[in-house]
Amino acid sequence: MTNYEGSDLLKKVERYEAAVTELKAAHDDVKDVLIEAILFDRWQQLGTQLGFKAEQPAAKTEEPNRDLAQLNQQISAMSESWSR
């Protein structure tokens, strides 16, 4: 084996090891997400059995045409809190 072939092989092995490490990290991330989802679903089932109702949080809706007086009041309140 020449020095060039040995160097090329070493680079390939390093790439392989990096890919394996990345794959293991991705596997752990996916596993954590799935476990969290399963636990949340189970928590909802138990809550339903106990008479609780889980609700999704309401999505924020933007109000592009807000009342200017309200906006000015909020800006004043923020300015006061920042000046402290």
PDB file of N, CA and C in Angstrom:
ATOM      1  N   MET A   1       0.859  -1.168   0.000  1.00  0.00           N
ATOM      2  CA  MET A   1       0.000   0.000   0.000  1.00  0.00           C
ATOM      3  C   MET A   1       0.909   1.236   0.000  1.00  0.00           C
ATOM      4  N   THR A   2       0.608   2.150  -0.874  1.00  0.00           N
ATOM      5  CA  THR A   2       1.417   3.369  -0.952  1.00  0.00           C
ATOM      6  C   THR A   2       0.956   4.363   0.102  1.00  0.00           C
ATOM      7  N   ASN A   3       1.763   5.388   0.298  1.00  0.00           N
ATOM      8  CA  ASN A   3       1.395   6.441   1.259  1.00  0.00           C
ATOM      9  C   ASN A   3       0.098   7.127   0.847  1.00  0.00           C
ATOM     10  N   TYR A   4      -0.067   7.326  -0.464  1.00  0.00           N
ATOM     11  CA  TYR A   4      -1.287   7.971  -0.953  1.00  0.00           C
ATOM     12  C   TYR A   4      -2.511   7.120  -0.647  1.00  0.00           C
ATOM     13  N   GLU A   5      -2.405   5.809  -0.906  1.00  0.00           N
ATOM     14  CA  GLU A   5      -3.529   4.899  -0.646  1.00  0.00           C
ATOM     15  C   GLU A   5      -3.829   4.835   0.852  1.00  0.00           C
ATOM     16  N   GLY A   6      -2.775   4.823   1.663  1.00  0.00           N
ATOM     17  CA  GLY A   6      -2.967   4.791   3.113  1.00  0.00           C
ATOM     18  C   GLY A   6      -3.627   6.065   3.616  1.00  0.00           C
ATOM     19  N   SER A   7      -3.220   7.200   3.076  1.00  0.00           N
ATOM     20  CA  SER A   7      -3.810   8.482   3.465  1.00  0.00           C
ATOM     21  C   SER A   7      -5.279   8.549   3.042  1.00  0.00           C
ATOM     22  N   ASP A   8      -5.552   8.061   1.814  1.00  0.00           N
ATOM     23  CA  ASP A   8      -6.927   8.053   1.310  1.00  0.00           C
ATOM     24  C   ASP A   8      -7.806   7.139   2.161  1.00  0.00           C
ATOM     25  N   LEU A   9      -7.273   5.982   2.520  1.00  0.00           N
ATOM     26  CA  LEU A   9      -8.028   5.048   3.359  1.00  0.00           C
ATOM     27  C   LEU A   9      -8.297   5.654   4.737  1.00  0.00           C
ATOM     28  N   LEU A  10      -7.301   6.330   5.300  1.00  0.00           N
ATOM     29  CA  LEU A  10      -7.468   6.960   6.607  1.00  0.00           C
ATOM     30  C   LEU A  10      -8.573   8.026   6.566  1.00  0.00           C
ATOM     31  N   LYS A  11      -8.604   8.808   5.492  1.00  0.00           N
ATOM     32  CA  LYS A  11      -9.649   9.829   5.336  1.00  0.00           C
ATOM     33  C   LYS A  11     -11.033   9.188   5.247  1.00  0.00           C
ATOM     34  N   LYS A  12     -11.115   8.096   4.514  1.00  0.00           N
ATOM     35  CA  LYS A  12     -12.403   7.399   4.369  1.00  0.00           C
ATOM     36  C   LYS A  12     -12.861   6.821   5.705  1.00  0.00           C
ATOM     37  N   VAL A  13     -11.937   6.277   6.469  1.00  0.00           N
ATOM     38  CA  VAL A  13     -12.272   5.723   7.787  1.00  0.00           C
ATOM     39  C   VAL A  13     -12.755   6.843   8.706  1.00  0.00           C
ATOM     40  N   GLU A  14     -12.085   7.996   8.663  1.00  0.00           N
ATOM     41  CA  GLU A  14     -12.507   9.129   9.489  1.00  0.00           C
ATOM     42  C   GLU A  14     -13.897   9.605   9.092  1.00  0.00           C
ATOM     43  N   ARG A  15     -14.175   9.663   7.780  1.00  0.00           N
ATOM     44  CA  ARG A  15     -15.518  10.047   7.320  1.00  0.00           C
ATOM     45  C   ARG A  15     -16.560   9.048   7.798  1.00  0.00           C
ATOM     46  N   TYR A  16     -16.210   7.752   7.729  1.00  0.00           N
ATOM     47  CA  TYR A  16     -17.125   6.703   8.172  1.00  0.00           C
ATOM     48  C   TYR A  16     -17.418   6.837   9.660  1.00  0.00           C
ATOM     49  N   GLU A  17     -16.376   7.063  10.460  1.00  0.00           N
ATOM     50  CA  GLU A  17     -16.571   7.206  11.903  1.00  0.00           C
ATOM     51  C   GLU A  17     -17.415   8.436  12.224  1.00  0.00           C
ATOM     52  N   ALA A  18     -17.191   9.539  11.506  1.00  0.00           N
ATOM     53  CA  ALA A  18     -17.990  10.749  11.718  1.00  0.00           C
ATOM     54  C   ALA A  18     -19.447  10.496  11.342  1.00  0.00           C
ATOM     55  N   ALA A  19     -19.668   9.762  10.251  1.00  0.00           N
ATOM     56  CA  ALA A  19     -21.035   9.454   9.825  1.00  0.00           C
ATOM     57  C   ALA A  19     -21.746   8.572  10.847  1.00  0.00           C
ATOM     58  N   VAL A  20     -21.021   7.596  11.396  1.00  0.00           N
ATOM     59  CA  VAL A  20     -21.607   6.713  12.408  1.00  0.00           C
ATOM     60  C   VAL A  20     -21.974   7.517  13.657  1.00  0.00           C
ATOM     61  N   THR A  21     -21.080   8.414  14.060  1.00  0.00           N
ATOM     62  CA  THR A  21     -21.360   9.252  15.233  1.00  0.00           C
ATOM     63  C   THR A  21     -22.588  10.118  14.994  1.00  0.00           C
ATOM     64  N   GLU A  22     -22.674  10.710  13.795  1.00  0.00           N
ATOM     65  CA  GLU A  22     -23.836  11.548  13.455  1.00  0.00           C
ATOM     66  C   GLU A  22     -25.114  10.722  13.426  1.00  0.00           C
ATOM     67  N   LEU A  23     -25.032   9.520  12.873  1.00  0.00           N
ATOM     68  CA  LEU A  23     -26.203   8.636  12.813  1.00  0.00           C
ATOM     69  C   LEU A  23     -26.673   8.269  14.218  1.00  0.00           C
ATOM     70  N   LYS A  24     -25.733   7.979  15.112  1.00  0.00           N
ATOM     71  CA  LYS A  24     -26.112   7.654  16.492  1.00  0.00           C
ATOM     72  C   LYS A  24     -26.789   8.853  17.165  1.00  0.00           C
ATOM     73  N   ALA A  25     -26.268  10.055  16.937  1.00  0.00           N
ATOM     74  CA  ALA A  25     -26.869  11.251  17.522  1.00  0.00           C
ATOM     75  C   ALA A  25     -28.270  11.478  16.969  1.00  0.00           C
ATOM     76  N   ALA A  26     -28.437  11.296  15.655  1.00  0.00           N
ATOM     77  CA  ALA A  26     -29.767  11.451  15.041  1.00  0.00           C
ATOM     78  C   ALA A  26     -30.730  10.403  15.573  1.00  0.00           C
ATOM     79  N   HIS A  27     -30.252   9.191  15.738  1.00  0.00           N
ATOM     80  CA  HIS A  27     -31.076   8.109  16.282  1.00  0.00           C
ATOM     81  C   HIS A  27     -31.568   8.478  17.689  1.00  0.00           C
ATOM     82  N   ASP A  28     -30.656   8.981  18.514  1.00  0.00           N
ATOM     83  CA  ASP A  28     -31.036   9.377  19.875  1.00  0.00           C
ATOM     84  C   ASP A  28     -32.049  10.516  19.863  1.00  0.00           C
ATOM     85  N   ASP A  29     -31.859  11.487  18.953  1.00  0.00           N
ATOM     86  CA  ASP A  29     -32.804  12.602  18.850  1.00  0.00           C
ATOM     87  C   ASP A  29     -34.198  12.109  18.472  1.00  0.00           C
ATOM     88  N   VAL A  30     -34.260  11.237  17.475  1.00  0.00           N
ATOM     89  CA  VAL A  30     -35.554  10.708  17.033  1.00  0.00           C
ATOM     90  C   VAL A  30     -36.189   9.885  18.145  1.00  0.00           C
ATOM     91  N   LYS A  31     -35.387   9.083  18.818  1.00  0.00           N
ATOM     92  CA  LYS A  31     -35.899   8.263  19.918  1.00  0.00           C
ATOM     93  C   LYS A  31     -36.493   9.142  21.017  1.00  0.00           C
ATOM     94  N   ASP A  32     -35.793  10.229  21.363  1.00  0.00           N
ATOM     95  CA  ASP A  32     -36.287  11.134  22.398  1.00  0.00           C
ATOM     96  C   ASP A  32     -37.616  11.769  21.997  1.00  0.00           C
ATOM     97  N   VAL A  33     -37.720  12.176  20.730  1.00  0.00           N
ATOM     98  CA  VAL A  33     -38.969  12.788  20.252  1.00  0.00           C
ATOM     99  C   VAL A  33     -40.108  11.784  20.311  1.00  0.00           C
ATOM    100  N   LEU A  34     -39.846  10.568  19.869  1.00  0.00           N
ATOM    101  CA  LEU A  34     -40.898   9.547  19.871  1.00  0.00           C
ATOM    102  C   LEU A  34     -41.329   9.195  21.290  1.00  0.00           C
ATOM    103  N   ILE A  35     -40.374   9.062  22.188  1.00  0.00           N
ATOM    104  CA  ILE A  35     -40.714   8.750  23.577  1.00  0.00           C
ATOM    105  C   ILE A  35     -41.541   9.881  24.176  1.00  0.00           C
ATOM    106  N   GLU A  36     -41.149  11.126  23.891  1.00  0.00           N
ATOM    107  CA  GLU A  36     -41.901  12.270  24.411  1.00  0.00           C
ATOM    108  C   GLU A  36     -43.331  12.271  23.875  1.00  0.00           C
ATOM    109  N   ALA A  37     -43.488  11.968  22.581  1.00  0.00           N
ATOM    110  CA  ALA A  37     -44.822  11.939  21.980  1.00  0.00           C
ATOM    111  C   ALA A  37     -45.665  10.826  22.588  1.00  0.00           C
ATOM    112  N   ILE A  38     -45.057   9.666  22.796  1.00  0.00           N
ATOM    113  CA  ILE A  38     -45.791   8.536  23.375  1.00  0.00           C
ATOM    114  C   ILE A  38     -46.206   8.855  24.809  1.00  0.00           C
ATOM    115  N   LEU A  39     -45.295   9.450  25.571  1.00  0.00           N
ATOM    116  CA  LEU A  39     -45.626   9.804  26.951  1.00  0.00           C
ATOM    117  C   LEU A  39     -46.715  10.860  27.000  1.00  0.00           C
ATOM    118  N   PHE A  40     -46.674  11.830  26.087  1.00  0.00           N
ATOM    119  CA  PHE A  40     -47.704  12.861  26.053  1.00  0.00           C
ATOM    120  C   PHE A  40     -49.059  12.249  25.715  1.00  0.00           C
ATOM    121  N   ASP A  41     -49.074  11.346  24.711  1.00  0.00           N
ATOM    122  CA  ASP A  41     -50.331  10.683  24.354  1.00  0.00           C
ATOM    123  C   ASP A  41     -50.883   9.894  25.542  1.00  0.00           C
ATOM    124  N   ARG A  42     -50.019   9.204  26.252  1.00  0.00           N
ATOM    125  CA  ARG A  42     -50.453   8.423  27.419  1.00  0.00           C
ATOM    126  C   ARG A  42     -50.975   9.343  28.515  1.00  0.00           C
ATOM    127  N   TRP A  43     -50.295  10.485  28.693  1.00  0.00           N
ATOM    128  CA  TRP A  43     -50.737  11.466  29.685  1.00  0.00           C
ATOM    129  C   TRP A  43     -52.131  11.977  29.337  1.00  0.00           C
ATOM    130  N   GLN A  44     -52.379  12.233  28.053  1.00  0.00           N
ATOM    131  CA  GLN A  44     -53.706  12.683  27.630  1.00  0.00           C
ATOM    132  C   GLN A  44     -54.757  11.607  27.887  1.00  0.00           C
ATOM    133  N   GLN A  45     -54.417  10.345  27.615  1.00  0.00           N
ATOM    134  CA  GLN A  45     -55.363   9.255  27.847  1.00  0.00           C
ATOM    135  C   GLN A  45     -55.715   9.153  29.325  1.00  0.00           C
ATOM    136  N   LEU A  46     -54.707   9.223  30.185  1.00  0.00           N
ATOM    137  CA  LEU A  46     -54.969   9.149  31.621  1.00  0.00           C
ATOM    138  C   LEU A  46     -55.822  10.330  32.085  1.00  0.00           C
ATOM    139  N   GLY A  47     -55.514  11.512  31.565  1.00  0.00           N
ATOM    140  CA  GLY A  47     -56.289  12.695  31.925  1.00  0.00           C
ATOM    141  C   GLY A  47     -57.740  12.561  31.498  1.00  0.00           C
ATOM    142  N   THR A  48     -57.967  12.019  30.313  1.00  0.00           N
ATOM    143  CA  THR A  48     -59.326  11.817  29.823  1.00  0.00           C
ATOM    144  C   THR A  48     -60.071  10.835  30.716  1.00  0.00           C
ATOM    145  N   GLN A  49     -59.382   9.775  31.121  1.00  0.00           N
ATOM    146  CA  GLN A  49     -60.003   8.784  31.997  1.00  0.00           C
ATOM    147  C   GLN A  49     -60.360   9.396  33.347  1.00  0.00           C
ATOM    148  N   LEU A  50     -59.576  10.379  33.782  1.00  0.00           N
ATOM    149  CA  LEU A  50     -59.842  11.031  35.067  1.00  0.00           C
ATOM    150  C   LEU A  50     -60.804  12.209  34.939  1.00  0.00           C
ATOM    151  N   GLY A  51     -61.229  12.506  33.710  1.00  0.00           N
ATOM    152  CA  GLY A  51     -62.201  13.565  33.509  1.00  0.00           C
ATOM    153  C   GLY A  51     -61.612  14.907  33.130  1.00  0.00           C
ATOM    154  N   PHE A  52     -60.336  14.947  32.825  1.00  0.00           N
ATOM    155  CA  PHE A  52     -59.713  16.200  32.396  1.00  0.00           C
ATOM    156  C   PHE A  52     -59.735  16.276  30.880  1.00  0.00           C
ATOM    157  N   LYS A  53     -59.712  17.496  30.388  1.00  0.00           N
ATOM    158  CA  LYS A  53     -59.725  17.682  28.952  1.00  0.00           C
ATOM    159  C   LYS A  53     -58.486  18.489  28.563  1.00  0.00           C
ATOM    160  N   ALA A  54     -57.630  17.914  27.740  1.00  0.00           N
ATOM    161  CA  ALA A  54     -56.444  18.624  27.270  1.00  0.00           C
ATOM    162  C   ALA A  54     -56.803  19.408  26.022  1.00  0.00           C
ATOM    163  N   GLU A  55     -56.438  20.663  26.016  1.00  0.00           N
ATOM    164  CA  GLU A  55     -56.736  21.512  24.869  1.00  0.00           C
ATOM    165  C   GLU A  55     -55.439  22.027  24.276  1.00  0.00           C
ATOM    166  N   GLN A  56     -55.438  22.139  22.967  1.00  0.00           N
ATOM    167  CA  GLN A  56     -54.288  22.728  22.299  1.00  0.00           C
ATOM    168  C   GLN A  56     -54.313  24.228  22.560  1.00  0.00           C
ATOM    169  N   PRO A  57     -53.142  24.840  22.792  1.00  0.00           N
ATOM    170  CA  PRO A  57     -53.123  26.284  22.981  1.00  0.00           C
ATOM    171  C   PRO A  57     -53.607  26.986  21.717  1.00  0.00           C
ATOM    172  N   ALA A  58     -54.337  28.057  21.923  1.00  0.00           N
ATOM    173  CA  ALA A  58     -54.873  28.804  20.789  1.00  0.00           C
ATOM    174  C   ALA A  58     -53.734  29.442  20.016  1.00  0.00           C
ATOM    175  N   ALA A  59     -53.838  29.391  18.715  1.00  0.00           N
ATOM    176  CA  ALA A  59     -52.806  29.999  17.869  1.00  0.00           C
ATOM    177  C   ALA A  59     -52.935  31.517  17.950  1.00  0.00           C
ATOM    178  N   LYS A  60     -51.788  32.160  18.012  1.00  0.00           N
ATOM    179  CA  LYS A  60     -51.798  33.611  18.062  1.00  0.00           C
ATOM    180  C   LYS A  60     -52.215  34.153  16.710  1.00  0.00           C
ATOM    181  N   THR A  61     -53.100  35.082  16.743  1.00  0.00           N
ATOM    182  CA  THR A  61     -53.490  35.736  15.504  1.00  0.00           C
ATOM    183  C   THR A  61     -52.957  37.154  15.539  1.00  0.00           C
ATOM    184  N   GLU A  62     -52.364  37.540  14.452  1.00  0.00           N
ATOM    185  CA  GLU A  62     -51.815  38.879  14.386  1.00  0.00           C
ATOM    186  C   GLU A  62     -52.922  39.864  14.072  1.00  0.00           C
ATOM    187  N   GLU A  63     -52.823  41.015  14.656  1.00  0.00           N
ATOM    188  CA  GLU A  63     -53.805  42.065  14.439  1.00  0.00           C
ATOM    189  C   GLU A  63     -53.105  43.223  13.749  1.00  0.00           C
ATOM    190  N   PRO A  64     -53.115  43.241  12.422  1.00  0.00           N
ATOM    191  CA  PRO A  64     -52.349  44.263  11.727  1.00  0.00           C
ATOM    192  C   PRO A  64     -52.901  45.679  11.916  1.00  0.00           C
ATOM    193  N   ASN A  65     -54.182  45.812  12.208  1.00  0.00           N
ATOM    194  CA  ASN A  65     -54.793  47.137  12.339  1.00  0.00           C
ATOM    195  C   ASN A  65     -55.209  47.417  13.774  1.00  0.00           C
ATOM    196  N   ARG A  66     -54.261  47.275  14.689  1.00  0.00           N
ATOM    197  CA  ARG A  66     -54.573  47.515  16.097  1.00  0.00           C
ATOM    198  C   ARG A  66     -54.854  48.981  16.352  1.00  0.00           C
ATOM    199  N   ASP A  67     -55.583  49.230  17.397  1.00  0.00           N
ATOM    200  CA  ASP A  67     -55.876  50.593  17.809  1.00  0.00           C
ATOM    201  C   ASP A  67     -54.573  51.290  18.194  1.00  0.00           C
ATOM    202  N   LEU A  68     -54.303  52.447  17.629  1.00  0.00           N
ATOM    203  CA  LEU A  68     -53.047  53.155  17.886  1.00  0.00           C
ATOM    204  C   LEU A  68     -52.904  53.572  19.342  1.00  0.00           C
ATOM    205  N   ALA A  69     -54.004  53.907  19.988  1.00  0.00           N
ATOM    206  CA  ALA A  69     -53.928  54.296  21.399  1.00  0.00           C
ATOM    207  C   ALA A  69     -53.424  53.134  22.240  1.00  0.00           C
ATOM    208  N   GLN A  70     -53.904  51.941  21.949  1.00  0.00           N
ATOM    209  CA  GLN A  70     -53.464  50.758  22.679  1.00  0.00           C
ATOM    210  C   GLN A  70     -51.980  50.505  22.430  1.00  0.00           C
ATOM    211  N   LEU A  71     -51.553  50.654  21.187  1.00  0.00           N
ATOM    212  CA  LEU A  71     -50.153  50.456  20.850  1.00  0.00           C
ATOM    213  C   LEU A  71     -49.272  51.478  21.550  1.00  0.00           C
ATOM    214  N   ASN A  72     -49.695  52.721  21.580  1.00  0.00           N
ATOM    215  CA  ASN A  72     -48.933  53.766  22.275  1.00  0.00           C
ATOM    216  C   ASN A  72     -48.838  53.483  23.767  1.00  0.00           C
ATOM    217  N   GLN A  73     -49.903  52.975  24.338  1.00  0.00           N
ATOM    218  CA  GLN A  73     -49.911  52.646  25.759  1.00  0.00           C
ATOM    219  C   GLN A  73     -48.900  51.533  26.040  1.00  0.00           C
ATOM    220  N   GLN A  74     -48.847  50.542  25.167  1.00  0.00           N
ATOM    221  CA  GLN A  74     -47.898  49.448  25.348  1.00  0.00           C
ATOM    222  C   GLN A  74     -46.460  49.951  25.210  1.00  0.00           C
ATOM    223  N   ILE A  75     -46.222  50.841  24.272  1.00  0.00           N
ATOM    224  CA  ILE A  75     -44.871  51.388  24.088  1.00  0.00           C
ATOM    225  C   ILE A  75     -44.462  52.183  25.319  1.00  0.00           C
ATOM    226  N   SER A  76     -45.387  52.953  25.865  1.00  0.00           N
ATOM    227  CA  SER A  76     -45.085  53.718  27.075  1.00  0.00           C
ATOM    228  C   SER A  76     -44.751  52.795  28.241  1.00  0.00           C
ATOM    229  N   ALA A  77     -45.516  51.730  28.380  1.00  0.00           N
ATOM    230  CA  ALA A  77     -45.268  50.791  29.465  1.00  0.00           C
ATOM    231  C   ALA A  77     -43.911  50.121  29.294  1.00  0.00           C
ATOM    232  N   MET A  78     -43.546  49.766  28.069  1.00  0.00           N
ATOM    233  CA  MET A  78     -42.242  49.142  27.840  1.00  0.00           C
ATOM    234  C   MET A  78     -41.124  50.140  28.142  1.00  0.00           C
ATOM    235  N   SER A  79     -41.297  51.377  27.730  1.00  0.00           N
ATOM    236  CA  SER A  79     -40.269  52.394  27.980  1.00  0.00           C
ATOM    237  C   SER A  79     -40.050  52.591  29.458  1.00  0.00           C
ATOM    238  N   GLU A  80     -41.138  52.627  30.236  1.00  0.00           N
ATOM    239  CA  GLU A  80     -41.039  52.785  31.670  1.00  0.00           C
ATOM    240  C   GLU A  80     -40.304  51.595  32.298  1.00  0.00           C
ATOM    241  N   SER A  81     -40.607  50.390  31.848  1.00  0.00           N
ATOM    242  CA  SER A  81     -39.956  49.209  32.438  1.00  0.00           C
ATOM    243  C   SER A  81     -38.476  49.160  32.072  1.00  0.00           C
ATOM    244  N   TRP A  82     -38.121  49.628  30.893  1.00  0.00           N
ATOM    245  CA  TRP A  82     -36.722  49.615  30.471  1.00  0.00           C
ATOM    246  C   TRP A  82     -35.917  50.690  31.176  1.00  0.00           C
ATOM    247  N   SER A  83     -36.563  51.781  31.586  1.00  0.00           N
ATOM    248  CA  SER A  83     -35.832  52.881  32.202  1.00  0.00           C
ATOM    249  C   SER A  83     -35.454  52.580  33.642  1.00  0.00           C
ATOM    250  N   ARG A  84     -36.006  51.543  34.209  1.00  0.00           N
ATOM    251  CA  ARG A  84     -35.729  51.206  35.611  1.00  0.00           C
ATOM    252  C   ARG A  84     -34.427  50.533  35.767  1.00  0.00           C
TER     253      ARG A  84
END
